[in-house]
Amino acid sequence: QVRLVESGGGSVQAGGSLKLSCEVSGSTDIDNCMGWFRQAPGKERDGVAYVGWNNSPKVAASVKGRFTISRDNAKNTLYLEMNNVQVEDTAMYYCAADPRRLLLGAKCAELSEYAHWGQGTQVTVSS
């Protein structure tokens, strides 16, 4: 059974940094497209960043220049490095994985759904 477990969330002041991790277990062939999503209270879930199977990234315009997505296939782990966080970055952050083998993160961003999801990790940014 595929399992995704996020960690690294917490409370941080605006301008600070956090690094989220997502460890994948249970399968070695599901992490071809991976992504980070977030959902703030009362809002829809939005895609934040995506990475293709060769580590080609795509990040949303709202976080470009501040967030970096990367993956370590040897460790089956996905990361989201968050710098200069803002109050509007406050949300539950989820990682997701899909078996579709797409090279580019930009193509992974176009997927309408992902097959596997983690339980989420909360990020709270205070002013």
C-alpha atoms as a PDB file:
ATOM      1  CA  GLN A   1       0.000   0.000   0.000  1.00  0.00           C
ATOM      2  CA  VAL A   2       1.360   3.377  -1.009  1.00  0.00           C
ATOM      3  CA  ARG A   3       1.816   5.807   1.830  1.00  0.00           C
ATOM      4  CA  LEU A   4       2.869   9.464   1.782  1.00  0.00           C
ATOM      5  CA  VAL A   5       3.846  11.126   5.052  1.00  0.00           C
ATOM      6  CA  GLU A   6       4.492  14.852   5.269  1.00  0.00           C
ATOM      7  CA  SER A   7       6.574  16.521   7.954  1.00  0.00           C
ATOM      8  CA  GLY A   8       8.268  19.835   8.664  1.00  0.00           C
ATOM      9  CA  GLY A   9       5.262  22.068   9.097  1.00  0.00           C
ATOM     10  CA  GLY A  10       4.898  24.449  12.015  1.00  0.00           C
ATOM     11  CA  SER A  11       4.580  28.068  13.022  1.00  0.00           C
ATOM     12  CA  VAL A  12       6.912  30.690  11.641  1.00  0.00           C
ATOM     13  CA  GLN A  13       7.038  34.456  11.421  1.00  0.00           C
ATOM     14  CA  ALA A  14       6.659  36.243   8.135  1.00  0.00           C
ATOM     15  CA  GLY A  15       9.966  36.379   6.327  1.00  0.00           C
ATOM     16  CA  GLY A  16      11.118  33.116   7.846  1.00  0.00           C
ATOM     17  CA  SER A  17      11.749  29.714   6.310  1.00  0.00           C
ATOM     18  CA  LEU A  18      10.475  26.154   6.553  1.00  0.00           C
ATOM     19  CA  LYS A  19      11.346  22.957   4.746  1.00  0.00           C
ATOM     20  CA  LEU A  20       8.644  20.370   4.223  1.00  0.00           C
ATOM     21  CA  SER A  21       9.379  16.725   3.523  1.00  0.00           C
ATOM     22  CA  CYS A  22       7.197  13.977   2.108  1.00  0.00           C
ATOM     23  CA  GLU A  23       8.389  10.410   2.477  1.00  0.00           C
ATOM     24  CA  VAL A  24       6.914   7.845   0.128  1.00  0.00           C
ATOM     25  CA  SER A  25       6.701   4.179   1.039  1.00  0.00           C
ATOM     26  CA  GLY A  26       4.987   1.061  -0.196  1.00  0.00           C
ATOM     27  CA  SER A  27       5.908   1.319  -3.828  1.00  0.00           C
ATOM     28  CA  THR A  28       8.843   2.303  -5.953  1.00  0.00           C
ATOM     29  CA  ASP A  29       7.016   3.132  -9.152  1.00  0.00           C
ATOM     30  CA  ILE A  30       4.459   5.721  -8.130  1.00  0.00           C
ATOM     31  CA  ASP A  31       6.549   8.796  -7.724  1.00  0.00           C
ATOM     32  CA  ASN A  32       6.796   9.853 -11.322  1.00  0.00           C
ATOM     33  CA  CYS A  33       4.781  13.028 -10.964  1.00  0.00           C
ATOM     34  CA  MET A  34       4.862  14.570  -7.530  1.00  0.00           C
ATOM     35  CA  GLY A  35       3.484  17.788  -6.207  1.00  0.00           C
ATOM     36  CA  TRP A  36       2.764  19.991  -3.232  1.00  0.00           C
ATOM     37  CA  PHE A  37      -0.713  21.406  -2.747  1.00  0.00           C
ATOM     38  CA  ARG A  38      -2.175  23.627  -0.051  1.00  0.00           C
ATOM     39  CA  GLN A  39      -5.589  24.435   1.299  1.00  0.00           C
ATOM     40  CA  ALA A  40      -6.392  27.374   3.534  1.00  0.00           C
ATOM     41  CA  PRO A  41      -9.580  27.416   5.642  1.00  0.00           C
ATOM     42  CA  GLY A  42     -12.594  28.221   3.513  1.00  0.00           C
ATOM     43  CA  LYS A  43     -10.623  28.047   0.278  1.00  0.00           C
ATOM     44  CA  GLU A  44     -10.121  25.492  -2.449  1.00  0.00           C
ATOM     45  CA  ARG A  45      -7.014  23.374  -2.657  1.00  0.00           C
ATOM     46  CA  ASP A  46      -4.368  24.900  -4.907  1.00  0.00           C
ATOM     47  CA  GLY A  47      -1.285  23.484  -6.517  1.00  0.00           C
ATOM     48  CA  VAL A  48       1.947  24.992  -5.213  1.00  0.00           C
ATOM     49  CA  ALA A  49       4.750  23.144  -6.954  1.00  0.00           C
ATOM     50  CA  TYR A  50       5.300  20.084  -9.104  1.00  0.00           C
ATOM     51  CA  VAL A  51       8.228  17.975 -10.188  1.00  0.00           C
ATOM     52  CA  GLY A  52       8.617  15.498 -13.023  1.00  0.00           C
ATOM     53  CA  TRP A  53      10.443  12.228 -12.787  1.00  0.00           C
ATOM     54  CA  ASN A  54      13.785  13.765 -13.677  1.00  0.00           C
ATOM     55  CA  ASN A  55      13.451  16.581 -11.118  1.00  0.00           C
ATOM     56  CA  SER A  56      12.140  19.156 -13.591  1.00  0.00           C
ATOM     57  CA  PRO A  57      10.233  21.663 -11.404  1.00  0.00           C
ATOM     58  CA  LYS A  58       7.232  23.887 -11.907  1.00  0.00           C
ATOM     59  CA  VAL A  59       6.093  26.297  -9.219  1.00  0.00           C
ATOM     60  CA  ALA A  60       2.990  28.446  -9.004  1.00  0.00           C
ATOM     61  CA  ALA A  61       3.347  32.136  -9.749  1.00  0.00           C
ATOM     62  CA  SER A  62       2.305  33.012  -6.201  1.00  0.00           C
ATOM     63  CA  VAL A  63       5.368  31.315  -4.728  1.00  0.00           C
ATOM     64  CA  LYS A  64       7.884  31.639  -7.540  1.00  0.00           C
ATOM     65  CA  GLY A  65      11.221  32.891  -6.291  1.00  0.00           C
ATOM     66  CA  ARG A  66      10.357  31.907  -2.704  1.00  0.00           C
ATOM     67  CA  PHE A  67       9.557  28.165  -2.806  1.00  0.00           C
ATOM     68  CA  THR A  68      11.683  25.399  -4.292  1.00  0.00           C
ATOM     69  CA  ILE A  69      10.550  21.851  -4.947  1.00  0.00           C
ATOM     70  CA  SER A  70      12.962  18.961  -5.238  1.00  0.00           C
ATOM     71  CA  ARG A  71      13.008  15.201  -4.942  1.00  0.00           C
ATOM     72  CA  ASP A  72      15.530  12.631  -3.807  1.00  0.00           C
ATOM     73  CA  ASN A  73      14.588   9.428  -5.589  1.00  0.00           C
ATOM     74  CA  ALA A  74      17.168   7.431  -3.642  1.00  0.00           C
ATOM     75  CA  LYS A  75      15.374   8.385  -0.435  1.00  0.00           C
ATOM     76  CA  ASN A  76      11.860   8.325  -1.948  1.00  0.00           C
ATOM     77  CA  THR A  77      11.383  11.803  -0.521  1.00  0.00           C
ATOM     78  CA  LEU A  78       9.911  15.006  -1.886  1.00  0.00           C
ATOM     79  CA  TYR A  79      10.838  18.392  -0.443  1.00  0.00           C
ATOM     80  CA  LEU A  80       9.431  21.901  -0.445  1.00  0.00           C
ATOM     81  CA  GLU A  81      11.809  24.608   0.701  1.00  0.00           C
ATOM     82  CA  MET A  82       9.849  27.684   1.686  1.00  0.00           C
ATOM     83  CA  ASN A  83      11.691  30.976   2.058  1.00  0.00           C
ATOM     84  CA  ASN A  84      10.412  34.462   2.846  1.00  0.00           C
ATOM     85  CA  VAL A  85       7.055  32.995   3.851  1.00  0.00           C
ATOM     86  CA  GLN A  86       4.089  35.327   4.040  1.00  0.00           C
ATOM     87  CA  VAL A  87       0.894  35.286   6.074  1.00  0.00           C
ATOM     88  CA  GLU A  88      -1.020  34.233   2.959  1.00  0.00           C
ATOM     89  CA  ASP A  89       1.072  31.051   2.818  1.00  0.00           C
ATOM     90  CA  THR A  90      -0.767  29.804   5.911  1.00  0.00           C
ATOM     91  CA  ALA A  91      -2.489  26.541   4.959  1.00  0.00           C
ATOM     92  CA  MET A  92      -2.483  22.787   5.275  1.00  0.00           C
ATOM     93  CA  TYR A  93       0.143  21.489   2.873  1.00  0.00           C
ATOM     94  CA  TYR A  94      -0.291  18.139   1.150  1.00  0.00           C
ATOM     95  CA  CYS A  95       2.041  16.132  -1.004  1.00  0.00           C
ATOM     96  CA  ALA A  96       0.738  13.972  -3.805  1.00  0.00           C
ATOM     97  CA  ALA A  97       2.143  11.414  -6.196  1.00  0.00           C
ATOM     98  CA  ASP A  98       0.962   9.906  -9.455  1.00  0.00           C
ATOM     99  CA  PRO A  99       2.308   6.996 -11.500  1.00  0.00           C
ATOM    100  CA  ARG A 100       2.090   8.809 -14.819  1.00  0.00           C
ATOM    101  CA  ARG A 101       5.623   9.137 -16.075  1.00  0.00           C
ATOM    102  CA  LEU A 102       5.953  12.741 -17.156  1.00  0.00           C
ATOM    103  CA  LEU A 103       9.344  14.329 -17.625  1.00  0.00           C
ATOM    104  CA  LEU A 104       8.440  17.928 -16.953  1.00  0.00           C
ATOM    105  CA  GLY A 105       7.003  19.438 -13.825  1.00  0.00           C
ATOM    106  CA  ALA A 106       4.955  21.692 -16.071  1.00  0.00           C
ATOM    107  CA  LYS A 107       3.176  18.621 -17.468  1.00  0.00           C
ATOM    108  CA  CYS A 108       2.626  17.264 -13.959  1.00  0.00           C
ATOM    109  CA  ALA A 109       0.963  20.583 -13.129  1.00  0.00           C
ATOM    110  CA  GLU A 110      -1.620  19.886 -15.832  1.00  0.00           C
ATOM    111  CA  LEU A 111      -2.876  16.666 -14.247  1.00  0.00           C
ATOM    112  CA  SER A 112      -6.439  17.030 -13.043  1.00  0.00           C
ATOM    113  CA  GLU A 113      -5.957  14.515 -10.263  1.00  0.00           C
ATOM    114  CA  TYR A 114      -3.255  12.658  -8.414  1.00  0.00           C
ATOM    115  CA  ALA A 115      -3.532   9.023  -7.353  1.00  0.00           C
ATOM    116  CA  HIS A 116      -1.952   9.204  -3.901  1.00  0.00           C
ATOM    117  CA  TRP A 117      -2.114  11.794  -1.155  1.00  0.00           C
ATOM    118  CA  GLY A 118      -0.604  12.398   2.236  1.00  0.00           C
ATOM    119  CA  GLN A 119      -2.476  13.514   5.335  1.00  0.00           C
ATOM    120  CA  GLY A 120      -1.029  17.010   5.315  1.00  0.00           C
ATOM    121  CA  THR A 121       1.148  19.188   7.501  1.00  0.00           C
ATOM    122  CA  GLN A 122       0.041  22.560   8.824  1.00  0.00           C
ATOM    123  CA  VAL A 123       2.006  25.720   8.092  1.00  0.00           C
ATOM    124  CA  THR A 124       1.062  28.845  10.025  1.00  0.00           C
ATOM    125  CA  VAL A 125       2.727  32.164   9.292  1.00  0.00           C
ATOM    126  CA  SER A 126       2.287  35.063  11.684  1.00  0.00           C
ATOM    127  CA  SER A 127       2.937  38.718  11.005  1.00  0.00           C
END
